[in-house]
All heavy atoms as atom14 arrays in JSON, in Angstrom:
{
  "sequence": "AGVITHFRILDPTGAVRLRAPPAHDSTARDSVSLVSAGNGVVTAIALF",
  "atom14_mask": [
    [1, 1, 1, 1, 1, 0, 0, 0, 0, 0, 0, 0, 0, 0],
    [1, 1, 1, 1, 0, 0, 0, 0, 0, 0, 0, 0, 0, 0],
    [1, 1, 1, 1, 1, 1, 1, 0, 0, 0, 0, 0, 0, 0],
    [1, 1, 1, 1, 1, 1, 1, 1, 0, 0, 0, 0, 0, 0],
    [1, 1, 1, 1, 1, 1, 1, 0, 0, 0, 0, 0, 0, 0],
    [1, 1, 1, 1, 1, 1, 1, 1, 1, 1, 0, 0, 0, 0],
    [1, 1, 1, 1, 1, 1, 1, 1, 1, 1, 1, 0, 0, 0],
    [1, 1, 1, 1, 1, 1, 1, 1, 1, 1, 1, 0, 0, 0],
    [1, 1, 1, 1, 1, 1, 1, 1, 0, 0, 0, 0, 0, 0],
    [1, 1, 1, 1, 1, 1, 1, 1, 0, 0, 0, 0, 0, 0],
    [1, 1, 1, 1, 1, 1, 1, 1, 0, 0, 0, 0, 0, 0],
    [1, 1, 1, 1, 1, 1, 1, 0, 0, 0, 0, 0, 0, 0],
    [1, 1, 1, 1, 1, 1, 1, 0, 0, 0, 0, 0, 0, 0],
    [1, 1, 1, 1, 0, 0, 0, 0, 0, 0, 0, 0, 0, 0],
    [1, 1, 1, 1, 1, 0, 0, 0, 0, 0, 0, 0, 0, 0],
    [1, 1, 1, 1, 1, 1, 1, 0, 0, 0, 0, 0, 0, 0],
    [1, 1, 1, 1, 1, 1, 1, 1, 1, 1, 1, 0, 0, 0],
    [1, 1, 1, 1, 1, 1, 1, 1, 0, 0, 0, 0, 0, 0],
    [1, 1, 1, 1, 1, 1, 1, 1, 1, 1, 1, 0, 0, 0],
    [1, 1, 1, 1, 1, 0, 0, 0, 0, 0, 0, 0, 0, 0],
    [1, 1, 1, 1, 1, 1, 1, 0, 0, 0, 0, 0, 0, 0],
    [1, 1, 1, 1, 1, 1, 1, 0, 0, 0, 0, 0, 0, 0],
    [1, 1, 1, 1, 1, 0, 0, 0, 0, 0, 0, 0, 0, 0],
    [1, 1, 1, 1, 1, 1, 1, 1, 1, 1, 0, 0, 0, 0],
    [1, 1, 1, 1, 1, 1, 1, 1, 0, 0, 0, 0, 0, 0],
    [1, 1, 1, 1, 1, 1, 0, 0, 0, 0, 0, 0, 0, 0],
    [1, 1, 1, 1, 1, 1, 1, 0, 0, 0, 0, 0, 0, 0],
    [1, 1, 1, 1, 1, 0, 0, 0, 0, 0, 0, 0, 0, 0],
    [1, 1, 1, 1, 1, 1, 1, 1, 1, 1, 1, 0, 0, 0],
    [1, 1, 1, 1, 1, 1, 1, 1, 0, 0, 0, 0, 0, 0],
    [1, 1, 1, 1, 1, 1, 0, 0, 0, 0, 0, 0, 0, 0],
    [1, 1, 1, 1, 1, 1, 1, 0, 0, 0, 0, 0, 0, 0],
    [1, 1, 1, 1, 1, 1, 0, 0, 0, 0, 0, 0, 0, 0],
    [1, 1, 1, 1, 1, 1, 1, 1, 0, 0, 0, 0, 0, 0],
    [1, 1, 1, 1, 1, 1, 1, 0, 0, 0, 0, 0, 0, 0],
    [1, 1, 1, 1, 1, 1, 0, 0, 0, 0, 0, 0, 0, 0],
    [1, 1, 1, 1, 1, 0, 0, 0, 0, 0, 0, 0, 0, 0],
    [1, 1, 1, 1, 0, 0, 0, 0, 0, 0, 0, 0, 0, 0],
    [1, 1, 1, 1, 1, 1, 1, 1, 0, 0, 0, 0, 0, 0],
    [1, 1, 1, 1, 0, 0, 0, 0, 0, 0, 0, 0, 0, 0],
    [1, 1, 1, 1, 1, 1, 1, 0, 0, 0, 0, 0, 0, 0],
    [1, 1, 1, 1, 1, 1, 1, 0, 0, 0, 0, 0, 0, 0],
    [1, 1, 1, 1, 1, 1, 1, 0, 0, 0, 0, 0, 0, 0],
    [1, 1, 1, 1, 1, 0, 0, 0, 0, 0, 0, 0, 0, 0],
    [1, 1, 1, 1, 1, 1, 1, 1, 0, 0, 0, 0, 0, 0],
    [1, 1, 1, 1, 1, 0, 0, 0, 0, 0, 0, 0, 0, 0],
    [1, 1, 1, 1, 1, 1, 1, 1, 0, 0, 0, 0, 0, 0],
    [1, 1, 1, 1, 1, 1, 1, 1, 1, 1, 1, 0, 0, 0]
  ],
  "atom14_positions": [
    [[-124.25, -28.56, -107.33], [-124.02, -29.32, -106.09], [-122.8, -30.21, -106.26], [-122.42, -30.58, -107.37], [-125.25, -30.17, -105.77], [0.0, 0.0, 0.0], [0.0, 0.0, 0.0], [0.0, 0.0, 0.0], [0.0, 0.0, 0.0], [0.0, 0.0, 0.0], [0.0, 0.0, 0.0], [0.0, 0.0, 0.0], [0.0, 0.0, 0.0], [0.0, 0.0, 0.0]],
    [[-122.19, -30.58, -105.14], [-121.11, -31.55, -105.15], [-119.77, -31.02, -105.6], [-118.86, -31.8, -105.9], [0.0, 0.0, 0.0], [0.0, 0.0, 0.0], [0.0, 0.0, 0.0], [0.0, 0.0, 0.0], [0.0, 0.0, 0.0], [0.0, 0.0, 0.0], [0.0, 0.0, 0.0], [0.0, 0.0, 0.0], [0.0, 0.0, 0.0], [0.0, 0.0, 0.0]],
    [[-119.6, -29.7, -105.65], [-118.33, -29.1, -106.06], [-117.49, -28.81, -104.82], [-117.96, -28.22, -103.85], [-118.55, -27.8, -106.86], [-117.22, -27.17, -107.25], [-119.39, -28.08, -108.1], [0.0, 0.0, 0.0], [0.0, 0.0, 0.0], [0.0, 0.0, 0.0], [0.0, 0.0, 0.0], [0.0, 0.0, 0.0], [0.0, 0.0, 0.0], [0.0, 0.0, 0.0]],
    [[-116.24, -29.22, -104.84], [-115.36, -29.06, -103.68], [-114.72, -27.67, -103.71], [-114.2, -27.23, -104.72], [-114.25, -30.13, -103.67], [-114.88, -31.53, -103.55], [-113.27, -29.89, -102.54], [-113.89, -32.64, -103.67], [0.0, 0.0, 0.0], [0.0, 0.0, 0.0], [0.0, 0.0, 0.0], [0.0, 0.0, 0.0], [0.0, 0.0, 0.0], [0.0, 0.0, 0.0]],
    [[-114.78, -27.0, -102.57], [-114.16, -25.69, -102.4], [-113.21, -25.74, -101.21], [-113.52, -26.34, -100.19], [-115.22, -24.6, -102.16], [-116.08, -24.51, -103.3], [-114.57, -23.24, -101.94], [0.0, 0.0, 0.0], [0.0, 0.0, 0.0], [0.0, 0.0, 0.0], [0.0, 0.0, 0.0], [0.0, 0.0, 0.0], [0.0, 0.0, 0.0], [0.0, 0.0, 0.0]],
    [[-112.06, -25.12, -101.38], [-111.04, -25.15, -100.34], [-110.98, -23.77, -99.66], [-110.68, -22.77, -100.31], [-109.68, -25.49, -100.94], [-108.57, -25.6, -99.94], [-108.52, -26.61, -99.01], [-107.5, -24.82, -99.7], [-107.46, -26.46, -98.25], [-106.82, -25.38, -98.64], [0.0, 0.0, 0.0], [0.0, 0.0, 0.0], [0.0, 0.0, 0.0], [0.0, 0.0, 0.0]],
    [[-111.29, -23.75, -98.37], [-111.2, -22.53, -97.57], [-109.92, -22.59, -96.73], [-109.59, -23.63, -96.17], [-112.39, -22.4, -96.6], [-113.71, -22.17, -97.26], [-114.47, -23.21, -97.73], [-114.21, -20.87, -97.39], [-115.71, -23.0, -98.32], [-115.44, -20.64, -97.99], [-116.19, -21.71, -98.45], [0.0, 0.0, 0.0], [0.0, 0.0, 0.0], [0.0, 0.0, 0.0]],
    [[-109.23, -21.44, -96.61], [-108.06, -21.4, -95.72], [-107.91, -20.01, -95.11], [-108.29, -19.0, -95.69], [-106.78, -21.78, -96.47], [-106.28, -20.77, -97.47], [-105.1, -21.32, -98.24], [-104.58, -20.36, -99.2], [-103.49, -19.63, -99.0], [-102.82, -19.73, -97.87], [-103.07, -18.78, -99.93], [0.0, 0.0, 0.0], [0.0, 0.0, 0.0], [0.0, 0.0, 0.0]],
    [[-107.35, -20.01, -93.91], [-107.07, -18.77, -93.2], [-105.77, -18.19, -93.75], [-104.74, -18.86, -93.77], [-106.92, -19.01, -91.69], [-108.23, -19.55, -91.08], [-106.48, -17.74, -90.98], [-109.34, -18.54, -91.02], [0.0, 0.0, 0.0], [0.0, 0.0, 0.0], [0.0, 0.0, 0.0], [0.0, 0.0, 0.0], [0.0, 0.0, 0.0], [0.0, 0.0, 0.0]],
    [[-105.83, -16.96, -94.21], [-104.61, -16.3, -94.67], [-103.86, -15.68, -93.49], [-102.65, -15.82, -93.37], [-104.96, -15.22, -95.7], [-105.59, -15.73, -97.01], [-105.95, -14.56, -97.9], [-104.66, -16.68, -97.73], [0.0, 0.0, 0.0], [0.0, 0.0, 0.0], [0.0, 0.0, 0.0], [0.0, 0.0, 0.0], [0.0, 0.0, 0.0], [0.0, 0.0, 0.0]],
    [[-104.61, -14.99, -92.61], [-104.04, -14.48, -91.37], [-105.19, -13.96, -90.5], [-106.25, -13.59, -91.03], [-103.01, -13.37, -91.66], [-103.64, -12.15, -92.33], [-104.32, -11.36, -91.63], [-103.44, -11.99, -93.54], [0.0, 0.0, 0.0], [0.0, 0.0, 0.0], [0.0, 0.0, 0.0], [0.0, 0.0, 0.0], [0.0, 0.0, 0.0], [0.0, 0.0, 0.0]],
    [[-105.05, -13.99, -89.17], [-103.9, -14.55, -88.46], [-104.08, -16.06, -88.3], [-105.13, -16.52, -87.85], [-103.94, -13.83, -87.12], [-105.42, -13.59, -86.9], [-106.01, -13.35, -88.26], [0.0, 0.0, 0.0], [0.0, 0.0, 0.0], [0.0, 0.0, 0.0], [0.0, 0.0, 0.0], [0.0, 0.0, 0.0], [0.0, 0.0, 0.0], [0.0, 0.0, 0.0]],
    [[-103.11, -16.85, -88.67], [-103.2, -18.3, -88.51], [-103.04, -18.64, -87.03], [-102.31, -17.98, -86.29], [-102.1, -19.0, -89.32], [-100.82, -18.5, -88.9], [-102.29, -18.74, -90.81], [0.0, 0.0, 0.0], [0.0, 0.0, 0.0], [0.0, 0.0, 0.0], [0.0, 0.0, 0.0], [0.0, 0.0, 0.0], [0.0, 0.0, 0.0], [0.0, 0.0, 0.0]],
    [[-103.73, -19.65, -86.62], [-103.67, -20.08, -85.22], [-104.73, -19.44, -84.36], [-105.39, -20.1, -83.57], [0.0, 0.0, 0.0], [0.0, 0.0, 0.0], [0.0, 0.0, 0.0], [0.0, 0.0, 0.0], [0.0, 0.0, 0.0], [0.0, 0.0, 0.0], [0.0, 0.0, 0.0], [0.0, 0.0, 0.0], [0.0, 0.0, 0.0], [0.0, 0.0, 0.0]],
    [[-104.92, -18.13, -84.51], [-105.9, -17.43, -83.69], [-107.33, -17.7, -84.15], [-108.26, -17.7, -83.36], [-105.63, -15.92, -83.71], [0.0, 0.0, 0.0], [0.0, 0.0, 0.0], [0.0, 0.0, 0.0], [0.0, 0.0, 0.0], [0.0, 0.0, 0.0], [0.0, 0.0, 0.0], [0.0, 0.0, 0.0], [0.0, 0.0, 0.0], [0.0, 0.0, 0.0]],
    [[-107.5, -17.91, -85.45], [-108.8, -18.2, -86.03], [-108.7, -19.5, -86.8], [-107.72, -19.74, -87.51], [-109.26, -17.06, -86.96], [-110.63, -17.38, -87.56], [-109.31, -15.75, -86.22], [0.0, 0.0, 0.0], [0.0, 0.0, 0.0], [0.0, 0.0, 0.0], [0.0, 0.0, 0.0], [0.0, 0.0, 0.0], [0.0, 0.0, 0.0], [0.0, 0.0, 0.0]],
    [[-109.73, -20.33, -86.66], [-109.73, -21.6, -87.39], [-111.09, -21.78, -88.06], [-112.04, -21.05, -87.77], [-109.42, -22.76, -86.45], [-108.18, -22.52, -85.6], [-107.66, -23.78, -84.98], [-106.88, -24.54, -85.95], [-106.38, -25.76, -85.71], [-106.63, -26.35, -84.54], [-105.67, -26.39, -86.61], [0.0, 0.0, 0.0], [0.0, 0.0, 0.0], [0.0, 0.0, 0.0]],
    [[-111.17, -22.77, -88.94], [-112.38, -22.99, -89.72], [-112.94, -24.38, -89.48], [-112.21, -25.32, -89.18], [-112.07, -22.85, -91.22], [-111.52, -21.51, -91.69], [-111.09, -21.61, -93.14], [-112.56, -20.42, -91.51], [0.0, 0.0, 0.0], [0.0, 0.0, 0.0], [0.0, 0.0, 0.0], [0.0, 0.0, 0.0], [0.0, 0.0, 0.0], [0.0, 0.0, 0.0]],
    [[-114.25, -24.49, -89.62], [-114.87, -25.81, -89.59], [-116.09, -25.8, -90.49], [-116.55, -24.75, -90.97], [-115.27, -26.2, -88.17], [-116.46, -25.47, -87.59], [-116.88, -26.13, -86.28], [-118.0, -25.48, -85.63], [-119.28, -25.75, -85.92], [-119.58, -26.62, -86.88], [-120.26, -25.13, -85.28], [0.0, 0.0, 0.0], [0.0, 0.0, 0.0], [0.0, 0.0, 0.0]],
    [[-116.64, -27.0, -90.73], [-117.87, -27.14, -91.51], [-119.06, -26.69, -90.67], [-118.97, -26.62, -89.45], [-118.04, -28.59, -91.95], [0.0, 0.0, 0.0], [0.0, 0.0, 0.0], [0.0, 0.0, 0.0], [0.0, 0.0, 0.0], [0.0, 0.0, 0.0], [0.0, 0.0, 0.0], [0.0, 0.0, 0.0], [0.0, 0.0, 0.0], [0.0, 0.0, 0.0]],
    [[-120.18, -26.37, -91.32], [-121.4, -26.0, -90.58], [-121.87, -27.13, -89.67], [-121.39, -28.25, -89.77], [-122.42, -25.73, -91.69], [-121.59, -25.4, -92.89], [-120.36, -26.25, -92.77], [0.0, 0.0, 0.0], [0.0, 0.0, 0.0], [0.0, 0.0, 0.0], [0.0, 0.0, 0.0], [0.0, 0.0, 0.0], [0.0, 0.0, 0.0], [0.0, 0.0, 0.0]],
    [[-122.81, -26.85, -88.77], [-123.34, -27.89, -87.88], [-123.82, -29.11, -88.65], [-124.21, -29.02, -89.81], [-124.52, -27.18, -87.19], [-124.15, -25.73, -87.24], [-123.42, -25.54, -88.54], [0.0, 0.0, 0.0], [0.0, 0.0, 0.0], [0.0, 0.0, 0.0], [0.0, 0.0, 0.0], [0.0, 0.0, 0.0], [0.0, 0.0, 0.0], [0.0, 0.0, 0.0]],
    [[-123.77, -30.24, -87.97], [-124.16, -31.55, -88.53], [-123.09, -32.11, -89.45], [-123.29, -33.14, -90.09], [-125.5, -31.49, -89.27], [0.0, 0.0, 0.0], [0.0, 0.0, 0.0], [0.0, 0.0, 0.0], [0.0, 0.0, 0.0], [0.0, 0.0, 0.0], [0.0, 0.0, 0.0], [0.0, 0.0, 0.0], [0.0, 0.0, 0.0], [0.0, 0.0, 0.0]],
    [[-121.93, -31.44, -89.51], [-120.81, -31.97, -90.25], [-119.63, -32.15, -89.29], [-119.79, -32.09, -88.08], [-120.44, -31.04, -91.41], [-121.5, -30.95, -92.47], [-122.62, -30.15, -92.34], [-121.63, -31.57, -93.66], [-123.38, -30.27, -93.39], [-122.81, -31.13, -94.22], [0.0, 0.0, 0.0], [0.0, 0.0, 0.0], [0.0, 0.0, 0.0], [0.0, 0.0, 0.0]],
    [[-118.46, -32.36, -89.86], [-117.26, -32.51, -89.05], [-117.05, -31.24, -88.22], [-116.99, -30.14, -88.76], [-116.07, -32.74, -89.98], [-114.77, -32.92, -89.22], [-114.82, -32.99, -87.98], [-113.73, -33.0, -89.87], [0.0, 0.0, 0.0], [0.0, 0.0, 0.0], [0.0, 0.0, 0.0], [0.0, 0.0, 0.0], [0.0, 0.0, 0.0], [0.0, 0.0, 0.0]],
    [[-116.99, -31.38, -86.93], [-116.87, -30.21, -86.05], [-115.42, -29.85, -85.75], [-115.15, -28.92, -85.0], [-117.61, -30.48, -84.74], [-117.05, -31.6, -84.08], [0.0, 0.0, 0.0], [0.0, 0.0, 0.0], [0.0, 0.0, 0.0], [0.0, 0.0, 0.0], [0.0, 0.0, 0.0], [0.0, 0.0, 0.0], [0.0, 0.0, 0.0], [0.0, 0.0, 0.0]],
    [[-114.47, -30.59, -86.32], [-113.07, -30.32, -86.06], [-112.64, -29.01, -86.72], [-112.89, -28.79, -87.9], [-112.19, -31.46, -86.59], [-112.6, -32.69, -86.0], [-110.73, -31.21, -86.27], [0.0, 0.0, 0.0], [0.0, 0.0, 0.0], [0.0, 0.0, 0.0], [0.0, 0.0, 0.0], [0.0, 0.0, 0.0], [0.0, 0.0, 0.0], [0.0, 0.0, 0.0]],
    [[-112.0, -28.13, -85.96], [-111.55, -26.85, -86.48], [-110.13, -26.98, -87.02], [-109.27, -27.63, -86.41], [-111.62, -25.78, -85.4], [0.0, 0.0, 0.0], [0.0, 0.0, 0.0], [0.0, 0.0, 0.0], [0.0, 0.0, 0.0], [0.0, 0.0, 0.0], [0.0, 0.0, 0.0], [0.0, 0.0, 0.0], [0.0, 0.0, 0.0], [0.0, 0.0, 0.0]],
    [[-109.88, -26.36, -88.17], [-108.57, -26.45, -88.82], [-108.21, -25.09, -89.41], [-109.03, -24.2, -89.52], [-108.59, -27.49, -89.93], [-109.05, -28.87, -89.52], [-109.05, -29.8, -90.73], [-109.45, -31.16, -90.39], [-110.69, -31.6, -90.42], [-111.67, -30.77, -90.76], [-110.99, -32.84, -90.13], [0.0, 0.0, 0.0], [0.0, 0.0, 0.0], [0.0, 0.0, 0.0]],
    [[-106.94, -24.98, -89.85], [-106.53, -23.78, -90.57], [-107.1, -23.76, -91.98], [-107.21, -22.7, -92.59], [-105.0, -23.7, -90.64], [-104.38, -23.46, -89.26], [-105.04, -22.81, -88.43], [-103.25, -23.92, -89.04], [0.0, 0.0, 0.0], [0.0, 0.0, 0.0], [0.0, 0.0, 0.0], [0.0, 0.0, 0.0], [0.0, 0.0, 0.0], [0.0, 0.0, 0.0]],
    [[-107.43, -24.94, -92.51], [-108.03, -25.02, -93.84], [-108.99, -26.19, -93.88], [-108.79, -27.2, -93.19], [-106.96, -25.18, -94.92], [-106.26, -26.41, -94.76], [0.0, 0.0, 0.0], [0.0, 0.0, 0.0], [0.0, 0.0, 0.0], [0.0, 0.0, 0.0], [0.0, 0.0, 0.0], [0.0, 0.0, 0.0], [0.0, 0.0, 0.0], [0.0, 0.0, 0.0]],
    [[-110.06, -26.05, -94.68], [-111.05, -27.11, -94.82], [-111.48, -27.2, -96.28], [-111.5, -26.19, -96.99], [-112.3, -26.87, -93.93], [-111.99, -27.03, -92.47], [-112.91, -25.51, -94.21], [0.0, 0.0, 0.0], [0.0, 0.0, 0.0], [0.0, 0.0, 0.0], [0.0, 0.0, 0.0], [0.0, 0.0, 0.0], [0.0, 0.0, 0.0], [0.0, 0.0, 0.0]],
    [[-111.8, -28.4, -96.73], [-112.36, -28.61, -98.06], [-113.81, -29.03, -97.89], [-114.08, -30.05, -97.24], [-111.56, -29.67, -98.82], [-110.26, -29.21, -99.11], [0.0, 0.0, 0.0], [0.0, 0.0, 0.0], [0.0, 0.0, 0.0], [0.0, 0.0, 0.0], [0.0, 0.0, 0.0], [0.0, 0.0, 0.0], [0.0, 0.0, 0.0], [0.0, 0.0, 0.0]],
    [[-114.73, -28.27, -98.46], [-116.15, -28.49, -98.26], [-116.85, -28.61, -99.61], [-116.34, -28.16, -100.63], [-116.76, -27.34, -97.45], [-116.11, -27.07, -96.09], [-116.67, -25.81, -95.45], [-116.29, -28.27, -95.16], [0.0, 0.0, 0.0], [0.0, 0.0, 0.0], [0.0, 0.0, 0.0], [0.0, 0.0, 0.0], [0.0, 0.0, 0.0], [0.0, 0.0, 0.0]],
    [[-118.04, -29.23, -99.6], [-118.76, -29.53, -100.82], [-120.02, -28.69, -100.91], [-120.73, -28.52, -99.91], [-119.12, -31.04, -100.88], [-119.91, -31.36, -102.14], [-117.85, -31.88, -100.83], [0.0, 0.0, 0.0], [0.0, 0.0, 0.0], [0.0, 0.0, 0.0], [0.0, 0.0, 0.0], [0.0, 0.0, 0.0], [0.0, 0.0, 0.0], [0.0, 0.0, 0.0]],
    [[-120.31, -28.18, -102.11], [-121.48, -27.33, -102.3], [-122.77, -28.13, -102.16], [-122.85, -29.3, -102.54], [-121.44, -26.65, -103.67], [-121.41, -27.61, -104.71], [0.0, 0.0, 0.0], [0.0, 0.0, 0.0], [0.0, 0.0, 0.0], [0.0, 0.0, 0.0], [0.0, 0.0, 0.0], [0.0, 0.0, 0.0], [0.0, 0.0, 0.0], [0.0, 0.0, 0.0]],
    [[-123.79, -27.47, -101.62], [-125.1, -28.09, -101.45], [-125.89, -27.96, -102.76], [-125.4, -27.48, -103.77], [-125.84, -27.41, -100.3], [0.0, 0.0, 0.0], [0.0, 0.0, 0.0], [0.0, 0.0, 0.0], [0.0, 0.0, 0.0], [0.0, 0.0, 0.0], [0.0, 0.0, 0.0], [0.0, 0.0, 0.0], [0.0, 0.0, 0.0], [0.0, 0.0, 0.0]],
    [[-127.15, -28.4, -102.7], [-127.98, -28.39, -103.9], [-128.21, -27.01, -104.47], [-128.44, -26.86, -105.67], [0.0, 0.0, 0.0], [0.0, 0.0, 0.0], [0.0, 0.0, 0.0], [0.0, 0.0, 0.0], [0.0, 0.0, 0.0], [0.0, 0.0, 0.0], [0.0, 0.0, 0.0], [0.0, 0.0, 0.0], [0.0, 0.0, 0.0], [0.0, 0.0, 0.0]],
    [[-128.12, -25.98, -103.62], [-128.29, -24.61, -104.11], [-126.98, -23.98, -104.57], [-126.91, -22.79, -104.86], [-128.93, -23.73, -103.02], [-128.08, -23.68, -101.76], [-127.03, -24.31, -101.66], [-128.54, -22.92, -100.77], [0.0, 0.0, 0.0], [0.0, 0.0, 0.0], [0.0, 0.0, 0.0], [0.0, 0.0, 0.0], [0.0, 0.0, 0.0], [0.0, 0.0, 0.0]],
    [[-125.93, -24.8, -104.62], [-124.64, -24.32, -105.08], [-123.82, -23.6, -104.05], [-122.71, -23.15, -104.33], [0.0, 0.0, 0.0], [0.0, 0.0, 0.0], [0.0, 0.0, 0.0], [0.0, 0.0, 0.0], [0.0, 0.0, 0.0], [0.0, 0.0, 0.0], [0.0, 0.0, 0.0], [0.0, 0.0, 0.0], [0.0, 0.0, 0.0], [0.0, 0.0, 0.0]],
    [[-124.34, -23.48, -102.82], [-123.66, -22.72, -101.78], [-122.74, -23.62, -100.96], [-123.11, -24.72, -100.57], [-124.67, -22.02, -100.86], [-123.98, -21.35, -99.68], [-125.46, -20.98, -101.66], [0.0, 0.0, 0.0], [0.0, 0.0, 0.0], [0.0, 0.0, 0.0], [0.0, 0.0, 0.0], [0.0, 0.0, 0.0], [0.0, 0.0, 0.0], [0.0, 0.0, 0.0]],
    [[-121.53, -23.12, -100.72], [-120.57, -23.79, -99.83], [-120.32, -22.84, -98.67], [-119.94, -21.69, -98.88], [-119.23, -24.06, -100.53], [-118.4, -25.03, -99.72], [-119.44, -24.56, -101.95], [0.0, 0.0, 0.0], [0.0, 0.0, 0.0], [0.0, 0.0, 0.0], [0.0, 0.0, 0.0], [0.0, 0.0, 0.0], [0.0, 0.0, 0.0], [0.0, 0.0, 0.0]],
    [[-120.53, -23.31, -97.46], [-120.35, -22.44, -96.3], [-119.34, -23.01, -95.32], [-119.18, -24.22, -95.2], [-121.68, -22.21, -95.55], [-122.24, -23.48, -95.18], [-122.67, -21.45, -96.4], [0.0, 0.0, 0.0], [0.0, 0.0, 0.0], [0.0, 0.0, 0.0], [0.0, 0.0, 0.0], [0.0, 0.0, 0.0], [0.0, 0.0, 0.0], [0.0, 0.0, 0.0]],
    [[-118.65, -22.09, -94.65], [-117.71, -22.46, -93.6], [-118.02, -21.6, -92.38], [-118.74, -20.6, -92.47], [-116.27, -22.23, -94.06], [0.0, 0.0, 0.0], [0.0, 0.0, 0.0], [0.0, 0.0, 0.0], [0.0, 0.0, 0.0], [0.0, 0.0, 0.0], [0.0, 0.0, 0.0], [0.0, 0.0, 0.0], [0.0, 0.0, 0.0], [0.0, 0.0, 0.0]],
    [[-117.49, -22.01, -91.24], [-117.68, -21.26, -90.0], [-116.31, -20.96, -89.39], [-115.44, -21.84, -89.33], [-118.54, -22.06, -89.01], [-119.99, -22.14, -89.51], [-118.51, -21.44, -87.62], [-120.89, -22.99, -88.67], [0.0, 0.0, 0.0], [0.0, 0.0, 0.0], [0.0, 0.0, 0.0], [0.0, 0.0, 0.0], [0.0, 0.0, 0.0], [0.0, 0.0, 0.0]],
    [[-116.11, -19.71, -88.99], [-114.87, -19.3, -88.35], [-115.0, -19.41, -86.84], [-116.03, -19.03, -86.27], [-114.52, -17.86, -88.75], [0.0, 0.0, 0.0], [0.0, 0.0, 0.0], [0.0, 0.0, 0.0], [0.0, 0.0, 0.0], [0.0, 0.0, 0.0], [0.0, 0.0, 0.0], [0.0, 0.0, 0.0], [0.0, 0.0, 0.0], [0.0, 0.0, 0.0]],
    [[-113.98, -19.93, -86.2], [-113.96, -20.08, -84.74], [-112.73, -19.4, -84.17], [-111.7, -19.31, -84.84], [-113.93, -21.56, -84.36], [-115.09, -22.45, -84.8], [-114.8, -23.89, -84.42], [-116.39, -21.99, -84.17], [0.0, 0.0, 0.0], [0.0, 0.0, 0.0], [0.0, 0.0, 0.0], [0.0, 0.0, 0.0], [0.0, 0.0, 0.0], [0.0, 0.0, 0.0]],
    [[-112.82, -18.94, -82.97], [-111.66, -18.41, -82.28], [-111.77, -18.79, -80.82], [-112.86, -18.98, -80.29], [-111.54, -16.89, -82.45], [-112.79, -16.13, -82.09], [-113.06, -15.76, -80.78], [-113.7, -15.78, -83.08], [-114.22, -15.07, -80.46], [-114.85, -15.09, -82.77], [-115.11, -14.73, -81.46], [0.0, 0.0, 0.0], [0.0, 0.0, 0.0], [0.0, 0.0, 0.0]]
  ]
}
């Protein structure tokens, strides 16, 4: 838990963006840095 992972869109940039799962920051970006949960899993959500 607590390990930072950096997600980024390789392509197509602009058309797809990323954000944290619900109950977190809902702002969509081209890249996000997220922290692993107690089960070691880090998840992101793609938006278009």
